[in-house]
Amino acid sequence: MHNNTIKKAKLSETDIISKFILPSIKNAGWDDMRQIRQEVKLRDGKVIVRGQIGMR
């Protein structure tokens, strides 16, 4: 194994996003100011999912 290899299993979800996902999205041409949002609260309330249908 290469010395600079990062063991992804030991990283947090935030580390994975910042080190791997966001750079890939930006390299694909996405505008991080207009097209990317993180941890956005949608609405208050419990979500009930039945099959393909979700409701509050």
Protein backbone atom coordinates (compact mmCIF):
# COMPACT_ATOMS: atom_id res chain seq x y z
CA MET A 1 0.00 0.00 0.00
CA HIS A 2 1.22 3.49 -0.85
CA ASN A 3 2.16 5.70 2.13
CA ASN A 4 -0.23 8.49 1.05
CA THR A 5 -3.24 6.20 0.72
CA ILE A 6 -6.12 7.31 2.93
CA LYS A 7 -8.10 4.58 4.66
CA LYS A 8 -11.63 5.74 3.92
CA ALA A 9 -13.17 3.46 6.54
CA LYS A 10 -11.48 5.53 9.26
CA LEU A 11 -12.73 8.89 7.93
CA SER A 12 -15.89 10.66 9.06
CA GLU A 13 -18.78 11.34 6.70
CA THR A 14 -17.71 15.00 6.57
CA ASP A 15 -14.13 14.00 5.66
CA ILE A 16 -15.37 11.77 2.82
CA ILE A 17 -17.51 14.60 1.46
CA SER A 18 -14.77 17.24 1.61
CA LYS A 19 -11.90 15.06 0.38
CA PHE A 20 -13.61 12.97 -2.32
CA ILE A 21 -17.18 13.94 -3.23
CA LEU A 22 -16.95 17.75 -3.45
CA PRO A 23 -13.74 17.77 -5.54
CA SER A 24 -15.33 15.31 -7.99
CA ILE A 25 -18.51 17.38 -8.28
CA LYS A 26 -16.49 20.58 -8.85
CA ASN A 27 -14.30 18.83 -11.44
CA ALA A 28 -17.50 17.82 -13.25
CA GLY A 29 -18.29 21.52 -13.69
CA TRP A 30 -20.79 22.17 -10.90
CA ASP A 31 -20.84 25.68 -9.43
CA ASP A 32 -20.48 25.30 -5.66
CA MET A 33 -22.11 28.68 -4.99
CA ARG A 34 -25.23 28.05 -7.08
CA GLN A 35 -25.64 24.28 -7.31
CA ILE A 36 -24.24 22.68 -4.15
CA ARG A 37 -25.79 22.89 -0.67
CA GLN A 38 -24.98 20.79 2.36
CA GLU A 39 -27.02 19.71 5.35
CA VAL A 40 -30.10 21.71 4.44
CA LYS A 41 -33.10 21.25 6.73
CA LEU A 42 -36.15 20.74 4.56
CA ARG A 43 -39.06 20.87 7.02
CA ASP A 44 -39.99 20.02 10.58
CA GLY A 45 -41.93 16.85 11.24
CA LYS A 46 -41.72 13.11 11.07
CA VAL A 47 -41.37 11.52 7.64
CA ILE A 48 -43.39 8.35 6.98
CA VAL A 49 -42.24 6.23 4.06
CA ARG A 50 -44.36 3.45 2.58
CA GLY A 51 -42.85 1.90 -0.52
CA GLN A 52 -42.11 4.72 -2.96
CA ILE A 53 -44.35 7.26 -1.18
CA GLY A 54 -43.20 9.61 1.57
CA MET A 55 -45.37 11.96 3.61
CA ARG A 56 -45.40 14.03 6.81
